[in-house]
């Protein structure tokens, strides 16, 4: 199975996730949350490798960049809040999945408290 498909398939295991192709270039797969349509991962090929852009808290983004040479400021995204993971085998699979999970958690819709104290969207 190819690496791009593995990443997309993993993203699709997250509740409400779906894949989108909003650009003229079908090289870019955007993984979105079904409720709010926000992107949590962008999967594309660049320079002979699959790259995955993921959202990240700024301090954690810097930490991950310092830990892994293949985690860099995101290509075509806000470099404070997004990282690119270059899937060249140097970042462990569990770390890649954790970064995708964290990105998903950052864009996931939050429950708001209604007037009666019950959670609503």
Protein backbone atom coordinates (compact mmCIF):
# COMPACT_ATOMS: atom_id res chain seq x y z
CA UNK A 1 0.00 0.00 0.00
CA UNK A 2 1.39 3.42 -0.84
CA UNK A 3 2.28 5.92 1.86
CA UNK A 4 -0.13 8.62 0.70
CA UNK A 5 -3.06 6.18 0.89
CA UNK A 6 -1.97 5.04 4.36
CA UNK A 7 -2.02 8.64 5.64
CA UNK A 8 -5.39 9.43 4.03
CA UNK A 9 -6.85 6.16 5.35
CA UNK A 10 -5.60 6.94 8.86
CA UNK A 11 -7.14 10.42 8.73
CA UNK A 12 -10.45 8.89 7.65
CA UNK A 13 -10.55 6.83 10.87
CA UNK A 14 -11.07 10.05 12.85
CA UNK A 15 -14.74 10.83 13.60
CA UNK A 16 -16.39 12.94 10.90
CA UNK A 17 -13.26 13.20 8.74
CA UNK A 18 -13.51 13.30 4.97
CA UNK A 19 -11.16 13.96 2.07
CA UNK A 20 -11.50 16.96 -0.22
CA UNK A 21 -9.79 18.10 -3.42
CA UNK A 22 -10.48 21.87 -3.52
CA UNK A 23 -7.57 22.81 -5.79
CA UNK A 24 -7.06 22.36 -9.51
CA UNK A 25 -3.98 20.31 -8.60
CA UNK A 26 -5.12 16.83 -7.54
CA UNK A 27 -1.71 16.33 -5.93
CA UNK A 28 -3.23 18.00 -2.85
CA UNK A 29 -5.61 16.03 -0.62
CA UNK A 30 -7.21 18.11 2.14
CA UNK A 31 -8.53 16.20 5.14
CA UNK A 32 -11.42 18.02 6.80
CA UNK A 33 -13.79 17.65 9.72
CA UNK A 34 -17.34 17.03 8.46
CA UNK A 35 -19.09 19.32 10.94
CA UNK A 36 -17.12 22.55 10.57
CA UNK A 37 -15.29 21.79 7.28
CA UNK A 38 -11.97 22.89 8.80
CA UNK A 39 -8.80 21.30 7.44
CA UNK A 40 -6.64 19.29 9.83
CA UNK A 41 -4.20 17.71 7.35
CA UNK A 42 -3.05 18.43 3.82
CA UNK A 43 -1.35 15.54 2.04
CA UNK A 44 0.76 16.15 -1.07
CA UNK A 45 3.88 15.04 -2.93
CA UNK A 46 6.85 17.38 -3.14
CA UNK A 47 10.51 16.78 -3.98
CA UNK A 48 10.01 13.02 -4.26
CA UNK A 49 8.38 12.55 -0.84
CA UNK A 50 4.89 12.62 0.62
CA UNK A 51 4.40 15.62 2.88
CA UNK A 52 1.66 16.14 5.48
CA UNK A 53 0.79 19.60 6.78
CA UNK A 54 -0.70 19.52 10.28
CA UNK A 55 -1.91 22.19 12.69
CA UNK A 56 0.06 22.48 15.93
CA UNK A 57 0.30 24.63 19.04
CA UNK A 58 3.20 27.09 18.42
CA UNK A 59 5.44 25.91 21.29
CA UNK A 60 4.94 22.26 20.37
CA UNK A 61 5.53 23.08 16.69
CA UNK A 62 8.95 24.52 17.54
CA UNK A 63 9.77 21.56 19.78
CA UNK A 64 8.92 19.01 17.07
CA UNK A 65 11.00 20.94 14.53
CA UNK A 66 13.96 20.77 16.91
CA UNK A 67 13.47 17.01 17.45
CA UNK A 68 13.04 15.90 13.83
CA UNK A 69 14.87 17.26 10.79
CA UNK A 70 11.89 16.22 8.62
CA UNK A 71 9.41 18.35 10.59
CA UNK A 72 9.63 21.85 9.15
CA UNK A 73 7.57 25.05 9.05
CA UNK A 74 4.56 24.22 6.88
CA UNK A 75 4.70 24.59 3.14
CA UNK A 76 2.05 27.12 1.96
CA UNK A 77 0.57 27.56 5.46
CA UNK A 78 0.92 29.79 8.54
CA UNK A 79 4.34 28.73 9.79
CA UNK A 80 3.56 29.56 13.42
CA UNK A 81 0.58 27.22 13.66
CA UNK A 82 1.34 24.56 11.03
CA UNK A 83 4.16 22.05 10.47
CA UNK A 84 5.01 19.96 7.44
CA UNK A 85 6.07 16.38 8.06
CA UNK A 86 8.27 15.04 5.27
CA UNK A 87 7.59 11.30 5.18
CA UNK A 88 11.12 10.11 4.46
CA UNK A 89 11.15 7.46 7.20
CA UNK A 90 12.97 9.57 9.78
CA UNK A 91 9.87 10.49 11.83
CA UNK A 92 8.41 7.43 13.59
CA UNK A 93 4.93 6.39 12.43
CA UNK A 94 3.48 6.78 15.93
CA UNK A 95 4.76 10.38 16.07
CA UNK A 96 3.20 11.13 12.66
CA UNK A 97 -0.13 9.72 13.83
CA UNK A 98 0.06 11.66 17.10
CA UNK A 99 0.68 14.88 15.15
CA UNK A 100 -2.35 14.16 12.94
CA UNK A 101 -4.44 13.42 16.05
CA UNK A 102 -3.31 16.68 17.69
CA UNK A 103 -4.14 18.64 14.54
CA UNK A 104 -7.60 17.07 14.42
CA UNK A 105 -8.16 17.92 18.10
CA UNK A 106 -7.23 21.57 17.47
CA UNK A 107 -9.89 22.04 14.76
CA UNK A 108 -12.58 19.76 16.20
CA UNK A 109 -15.82 21.59 17.05
CA UNK A 110 -16.14 22.40 20.74
CA UNK A 111 -19.33 22.01 22.72
CA UNK A 112 -20.66 25.30 24.03
CA UNK A 113 -22.68 25.62 27.18
CA UNK A 114 -26.28 26.66 26.57
CA UNK A 115 -28.33 28.79 28.93
CA UNK A 116 -29.52 25.68 30.74
CA UNK A 117 -25.95 24.39 31.17
CA UNK A 118 -26.26 21.64 28.56
CA UNK A 119 -23.65 21.24 25.84
CA UNK A 120 -24.61 22.42 22.34
CA UNK A 121 -22.70 22.92 19.10
